[in-house]
Amino acid sequence: MLKVNIKADSNLSNTFFFTFKPASFFLYYSKEKRVKEQILKISVIYFLDKIKSINLIFYKLK
């Protein structure tokens, strides 16, 4: 199991905790933001079993 901590944009002041498994992924973020933000897409690009980049695409709910 590979675990990576990702910090979101500074204007959102939120920290994402990303756990990557071969067949699935789980994303947890701070409880205060849970209702206000929703993840739309996660792209994981890795090379030789090492993660090169993780892209988070999300929007803030009003």
PDB file of N, CA and C in Angstrom:
ATOM      1  N   MET A   1       0.852  -1.201   0.000  1.00  0.00           N
ATOM      2  CA  MET A   1       0.000   0.000   0.000  1.00  0.00           C
ATOM      3  C   MET A   1       0.881   1.242   0.000  1.00  0.00           C
ATOM      4  N   LEU A   2       0.498   2.199  -0.811  1.00  0.00           N
ATOM      5  CA  LEU A   2       1.272   3.418  -0.928  1.00  0.00           C
ATOM      6  C   LEU A   2       0.459   4.585  -0.404  1.00  0.00           C
ATOM      7  N   LYS A   3       1.023   5.340   0.532  1.00  0.00           N
ATOM      8  CA  LYS A   3       0.320   6.470   1.124  1.00  0.00           C
ATOM      9  C   LYS A   3       1.044   7.766   0.808  1.00  0.00           C
ATOM     10  N   VAL A   4       0.289   8.736   0.319  1.00  0.00           N
ATOM     11  CA  VAL A   4       0.870  10.038  -0.010  1.00  0.00           C
ATOM     12  C   VAL A   4      -0.001  11.129   0.586  1.00  0.00           C
ATOM     13  N   ASN A   5       0.628  12.064   1.265  1.00  0.00           N
ATOM     14  CA  ASN A   5      -0.108  13.218   1.774  1.00  0.00           C
ATOM     15  C   ASN A   5      -0.030  14.346   0.760  1.00  0.00           C
ATOM     16  N   ILE A   6      -1.192  14.876   0.408  1.00  0.00           N
ATOM     17  CA  ILE A   6      -1.257  15.942  -0.582  1.00  0.00           C
ATOM     18  C   ILE A   6      -1.862  17.169   0.064  1.00  0.00           C
ATOM     19  N   LYS A   7      -1.222  18.297  -0.150  1.00  0.00           N
ATOM     20  CA  LYS A   7      -1.781  19.535   0.365  1.00  0.00           C
ATOM     21  C   LYS A   7      -2.489  20.259  -0.775  1.00  0.00           C
ATOM     22  N   ALA A   8      -3.717  20.653  -0.533  1.00  0.00           N
ATOM     23  CA  ALA A   8      -4.502  21.318  -1.568  1.00  0.00           C
ATOM     24  C   ALA A   8      -4.033  22.749  -1.762  1.00  0.00           C
ATOM     25  N   ASP A   9      -4.693  23.466  -2.672  1.00  0.00           N
ATOM     26  CA  ASP A   9      -4.339  24.861  -2.917  1.00  0.00           C
ATOM     27  C   ASP A   9      -4.432  25.663  -1.620  1.00  0.00           C
ATOM     28  N   SER A  10      -3.536  26.629  -1.486  1.00  0.00           N
ATOM     29  CA  SER A  10      -3.454  27.380  -0.240  1.00  0.00           C
ATOM     30  C   SER A  10      -4.733  28.150   0.054  1.00  0.00           C
ATOM     31  N   ASN A  11      -5.451  28.539  -1.000  1.00  0.00           N
ATOM     32  CA  ASN A  11      -6.682  29.309  -0.766  1.00  0.00           C
ATOM     33  C   ASN A  11      -7.794  28.445  -0.165  1.00  0.00           C
ATOM     34  N   LEU A  12      -7.652  27.127  -0.282  1.00  0.00           N
ATOM     35  CA  LEU A  12      -8.646  26.242   0.316  1.00  0.00           C
ATOM     36  C   LEU A  12      -8.234  25.825   1.721  1.00  0.00           C
ATOM     37  N   SER A  13      -6.941  25.961   1.996  1.00  0.00           N
ATOM     38  CA  SER A  13      -6.394  25.602   3.307  1.00  0.00           C
ATOM     39  C   SER A  13      -6.910  24.253   3.782  1.00  0.00           C
ATOM     40  N   ASN A  14      -6.658  23.247   2.976  1.00  0.00           N
ATOM     41  CA  ASN A  14      -7.130  21.902   3.298  1.00  0.00           C
ATOM     42  C   ASN A  14      -6.039  20.890   2.961  1.00  0.00           C
ATOM     43  N   THR A  15      -5.996  19.815   3.715  1.00  0.00           N
ATOM     44  CA  THR A  15      -5.011  18.767   3.465  1.00  0.00           C
ATOM     45  C   THR A  15      -5.711  17.483   3.064  1.00  0.00           C
ATOM     46  N   PHE A  16      -5.278  16.898   1.965  1.00  0.00           N
ATOM     47  CA  PHE A  16      -5.856  15.645   1.501  1.00  0.00           C
ATOM     48  C   PHE A  16      -4.939  14.494   1.894  1.00  0.00           C
ATOM     49  N   PHE A  17      -5.534  13.406   2.351  1.00  0.00           N
ATOM     50  CA  PHE A  17      -4.773  12.204   2.650  1.00  0.00           C
ATOM     51  C   PHE A  17      -5.151  11.156   1.616  1.00  0.00           C
ATOM     52  N   PHE A  18      -4.165  10.733   0.841  1.00  0.00           N
ATOM     53  CA  PHE A  18      -4.427   9.864  -0.289  1.00  0.00           C
ATOM     54  C   PHE A  18      -3.821   8.488  -0.046  1.00  0.00           C
ATOM     55  N   THR A  19      -4.634   7.463  -0.162  1.00  0.00           N
ATOM     56  CA  THR A  19      -4.148   6.089  -0.044  1.00  0.00           C
ATOM     57  C   THR A  19      -4.396   5.374  -1.361  1.00  0.00           C
ATOM     58  N   PHE A  20      -3.324   4.904  -1.976  1.00  0.00           N
ATOM     59  CA  PHE A  20      -3.435   4.293  -3.290  1.00  0.00           C
ATOM     60  C   PHE A  20      -3.245   2.788  -3.212  1.00  0.00           C
ATOM     61  N   LYS A  21      -4.171   2.058  -3.803  1.00  0.00           N
ATOM     62  CA  LYS A  21      -4.045   0.610  -3.919  1.00  0.00           C
ATOM     63  C   LYS A  21      -4.107   0.262  -5.407  1.00  0.00           C
ATOM     64  N   PRO A  22      -3.626  -0.898  -5.803  1.00  0.00           N
ATOM     65  CA  PRO A  22      -3.584  -1.257  -7.223  1.00  0.00           C
ATOM     66  C   PRO A  22      -4.947  -1.157  -7.918  1.00  0.00           C
ATOM     67  N   ALA A  23      -5.997  -1.537  -7.225  1.00  0.00           N
ATOM     68  CA  ALA A  23      -7.299  -1.622  -7.889  1.00  0.00           C
ATOM     69  C   ALA A  23      -8.267  -0.527  -7.464  1.00  0.00           C
ATOM     70  N   SER A  24      -7.927   0.204  -6.418  1.00  0.00           N
ATOM     71  CA  SER A  24      -8.883   1.199  -5.939  1.00  0.00           C
ATOM     72  C   SER A  24      -8.153   2.297  -5.176  1.00  0.00           C
ATOM     73  N   PHE A  25      -8.889   3.340  -4.841  1.00  0.00           N
ATOM     74  CA  PHE A  25      -8.289   4.408  -4.068  1.00  0.00           C
ATOM     75  C   PHE A  25      -9.290   4.914  -3.039  1.00  0.00           C
ATOM     76  N   PHE A  26      -8.777   5.481  -1.981  1.00  0.00           N
ATOM     77  CA  PHE A  26      -9.598   6.078  -0.954  1.00  0.00           C
ATOM     78  C   PHE A  26      -9.074   7.483  -0.682  1.00  0.00           C
ATOM     79  N   LEU A  27      -9.978   8.427  -0.564  1.00  0.00           N
ATOM     80  CA  LEU A  27      -9.550   9.794  -0.321  1.00  0.00           C
ATOM     81  C   LEU A  27     -10.280  10.319   0.907  1.00  0.00           C
ATOM     82  N   TYR A  28      -9.523  10.808   1.852  1.00  0.00           N
ATOM     83  CA  TYR A  28     -10.097  11.360   3.073  1.00  0.00           C
ATOM     84  C   TYR A  28      -9.634  12.798   3.212  1.00  0.00           C
ATOM     85  N   TYR A  29     -10.533  13.671   3.613  1.00  0.00           N
ATOM     86  CA  TYR A  29     -10.109  15.043   3.866  1.00  0.00           C
ATOM     87  C   TYR A  29     -10.791  15.567   5.110  1.00  0.00           C
ATOM     88  N   SER A  30     -10.375  16.754   5.533  1.00  0.00           N
ATOM     89  CA  SER A  30     -10.779  17.255   6.842  1.00  0.00           C
ATOM     90  C   SER A  30     -12.293  17.304   6.991  1.00  0.00           C
ATOM     91  N   LYS A  31     -12.772  17.029   8.188  1.00  0.00           N
ATOM     92  CA  LYS A  31     -14.202  16.904   8.431  1.00  0.00           C
ATOM     93  C   LYS A  31     -14.947  18.218   8.192  1.00  0.00           C
ATOM     94  N   GLU A  32     -14.278  19.346   8.451  1.00  0.00           N
ATOM     95  CA  GLU A  32     -14.943  20.637   8.261  1.00  0.00           C
ATOM     96  C   GLU A  32     -15.273  20.860   6.795  1.00  0.00           C
ATOM     97  N   LYS A  33     -14.400  20.382   5.926  1.00  0.00           N
ATOM     98  CA  LYS A  33     -14.562  20.644   4.501  1.00  0.00           C
ATOM     99  C   LYS A  33     -15.379  19.558   3.795  1.00  0.00           C
ATOM    100  N   ARG A  34     -15.691  18.503   4.515  1.00  0.00           N
ATOM    101  CA  ARG A  34     -16.313  17.343   3.881  1.00  0.00           C
ATOM    102  C   ARG A  34     -17.617  17.701   3.166  1.00  0.00           C
ATOM    103  N   VAL A  35     -18.409  18.618   3.742  1.00  0.00           N
ATOM    104  CA  VAL A  35     -19.702  18.964   3.163  1.00  0.00           C
ATOM    105  C   VAL A  35     -19.539  19.995   2.046  1.00  0.00           C
ATOM    106  N   LYS A  36     -18.482  20.803   2.138  1.00  0.00           N
ATOM    107  CA  LYS A  36     -18.347  21.926   1.217  1.00  0.00           C
ATOM    108  C   LYS A  36     -17.596  21.576  -0.070  1.00  0.00           C
ATOM    109  N   GLU A  37     -16.859  20.466  -0.066  1.00  0.00           N
ATOM    110  CA  GLU A  37     -16.061  20.127  -1.232  1.00  0.00           C
ATOM    111  C   GLU A  37     -16.343  18.702  -1.668  1.00  0.00           C
ATOM    112  N   GLN A  38     -16.304  18.483  -2.958  1.00  0.00           N
ATOM    113  CA  GLN A  38     -16.523  17.150  -3.478  1.00  0.00           C
ATOM    114  C   GLN A  38     -15.494  16.859  -4.564  1.00  0.00           C
ATOM    115  N   ILE A  39     -14.926  15.680  -4.492  1.00  0.00           N
ATOM    116  CA  ILE A  39     -13.908  15.302  -5.468  1.00  0.00           C
ATOM    117  C   ILE A  39     -14.580  14.842  -6.756  1.00  0.00           C
ATOM    118  N   LEU A  40     -14.120  15.389  -7.879  1.00  0.00           N
ATOM    119  CA  LEU A  40     -14.670  14.998  -9.165  1.00  0.00           C
ATOM    120  C   LEU A  40     -13.825  13.925  -9.840  1.00  0.00           C
ATOM    121  N   LYS A  41     -12.521  14.092  -9.769  1.00  0.00           N
ATOM    122  CA  LYS A  41     -11.667  13.164 -10.492  1.00  0.00           C
ATOM    123  C   LYS A  41     -10.284  13.113  -9.860  1.00  0.00           C
ATOM    124  N   ILE A  42      -9.715  11.927  -9.857  1.00  0.00           N
ATOM    125  CA  ILE A  42      -8.337  11.769  -9.395  1.00  0.00           C
ATOM    126  C   ILE A  42      -7.546  11.065 -10.492  1.00  0.00           C
ATOM    127  N   SER A  43      -6.477  11.701 -10.915  1.00  0.00           N
ATOM    128  CA  SER A  43      -5.604  11.098 -11.920  1.00  0.00           C
ATOM    129  C   SER A  43      -4.267  10.764 -11.280  1.00  0.00           C
ATOM    130  N   VAL A  44      -3.853   9.529 -11.409  1.00  0.00           N
ATOM    131  CA  VAL A  44      -2.571   9.106 -10.855  1.00  0.00           C
ATOM    132  C   VAL A  44      -1.668   8.648 -12.000  1.00  0.00           C
ATOM    133  N   ILE A  45      -0.519   9.291 -12.110  1.00  0.00           N
ATOM    134  CA  ILE A  45       0.445   8.909 -13.132  1.00  0.00           C
ATOM    135  C   ILE A  45       1.692   8.383 -12.424  1.00  0.00           C
ATOM    136  N   TYR A  46       2.054   7.137 -12.701  1.00  0.00           N
ATOM    137  CA  TYR A  46       3.246   6.612 -12.057  1.00  0.00           C
ATOM    138  C   TYR A  46       4.144   5.872 -13.048  1.00  0.00           C
ATOM    139  N   PHE A  47       5.423   5.880 -12.709  1.00  0.00           N
ATOM    140  CA  PHE A  47       6.451   5.380 -13.601  1.00  0.00           C
ATOM    141  C   PHE A  47       7.375   4.457 -12.817  1.00  0.00           C
ATOM    142  N   LEU A  48       7.516   3.238 -13.285  1.00  0.00           N
ATOM    143  CA  LEU A  48       8.348   2.241 -12.606  1.00  0.00           C
ATOM    144  C   LEU A  48       7.951   2.103 -11.137  1.00  0.00           C
ATOM    145  N   ASP A  49       6.651   1.972 -10.906  1.00  0.00           N
ATOM    146  CA  ASP A  49       6.102   1.764  -9.563  1.00  0.00           C
ATOM    147  C   ASP A  49       6.321   2.942  -8.626  1.00  0.00           C
ATOM    148  N   LYS A  50       6.655   4.105  -9.179  1.00  0.00           N
ATOM    149  CA  LYS A  50       6.781   5.300  -8.353  1.00  0.00           C
ATOM    150  C   LYS A  50       5.828   6.358  -8.888  1.00  0.00           C
ATOM    151  N   ILE A  51       5.093   6.971  -7.983  1.00  0.00           N
ATOM    152  CA  ILE A  51       4.132   7.985  -8.407  1.00  0.00           C
ATOM    153  C   ILE A  51       4.863   9.227  -8.911  1.00  0.00           C
ATOM    154  N   LYS A  52       4.536   9.635 -10.134  1.00  0.00           N
ATOM    155  CA  LYS A  52       5.130  10.846 -10.698  1.00  0.00           C
ATOM    156  C   LYS A  52       4.274  12.060 -10.350  1.00  0.00           C
ATOM    157  N   SER A  53       2.975  11.909 -10.481  1.00  0.00           N
ATOM    158  CA  SER A  53       2.098  13.032 -10.165  1.00  0.00           C
ATOM    159  C   SER A  53       0.701  12.542  -9.818  1.00  0.00           C
ATOM    160  N   ILE A  54       0.038  13.314  -8.968  1.00  0.00           N
ATOM    161  CA  ILE A  54      -1.354  13.036  -8.613  1.00  0.00           C
ATOM    162  C   ILE A  54      -2.138  14.321  -8.826  1.00  0.00           C
ATOM    163  N   ASN A  55      -3.130  14.253  -9.684  1.00  0.00           N
ATOM    164  CA  ASN A  55      -3.928  15.429  -9.982  1.00  0.00           C
ATOM    165  C   ASN A  55      -5.305  15.307  -9.357  1.00  0.00           C
ATOM    166  N   LEU A  56      -5.683  16.316  -8.600  1.00  0.00           N
ATOM    167  CA  LEU A  56      -7.002  16.339  -7.991  1.00  0.00           C
ATOM    168  C   LEU A  56      -7.848  17.395  -8.689  1.00  0.00           C
ATOM    169  N   ILE A  57      -9.019  16.977  -9.166  1.00  0.00           N
ATOM    170  CA  ILE A  57      -9.951  17.918  -9.784  1.00  0.00           C
ATOM    171  C   ILE A  57     -11.206  17.928  -8.915  1.00  0.00           C
ATOM    172  N   PHE A  58     -11.522  19.101  -8.369  1.00  0.00           N
ATOM    173  CA  PHE A  58     -12.673  19.172  -7.472  1.00  0.00           C
ATOM    174  C   PHE A  58     -13.310  20.547  -7.550  1.00  0.00           C
ATOM    175  N   TYR A  59     -14.505  20.649  -6.998  1.00  0.00           N
ATOM    176  CA  TYR A  59     -15.184  21.944  -6.975  1.00  0.00           C
ATOM    177  C   TYR A  59     -15.776  22.157  -5.597  1.00  0.00           C
ATOM    178  N   LYS A  60     -15.980  23.410  -5.250  1.00  0.00           N
ATOM    179  CA  LYS A  60     -16.552  23.735  -3.948  1.00  0.00           C
ATOM    180  C   LYS A  60     -18.059  23.881  -4.082  1.00  0.00           C
ATOM    181  N   LEU A  61     -18.772  23.205  -3.204  1.00  0.00           N
ATOM    182  CA  LEU A  61     -20.229  23.322  -3.199  1.00  0.00           C
ATOM    183  C   LEU A  61     -20.620  24.613  -2.505  1.00  0.00           C
ATOM    184  N   LYS A  62     -21.667  25.254  -3.013  1.00  0.00           N
ATOM    185  CA  LYS A  62     -22.091  26.527  -2.412  1.00  0.00           C
ATOM    186  C   LYS A  62     -23.000  26.283  -1.220  1.00  0.00           C
TER     187      LYS A  62
END
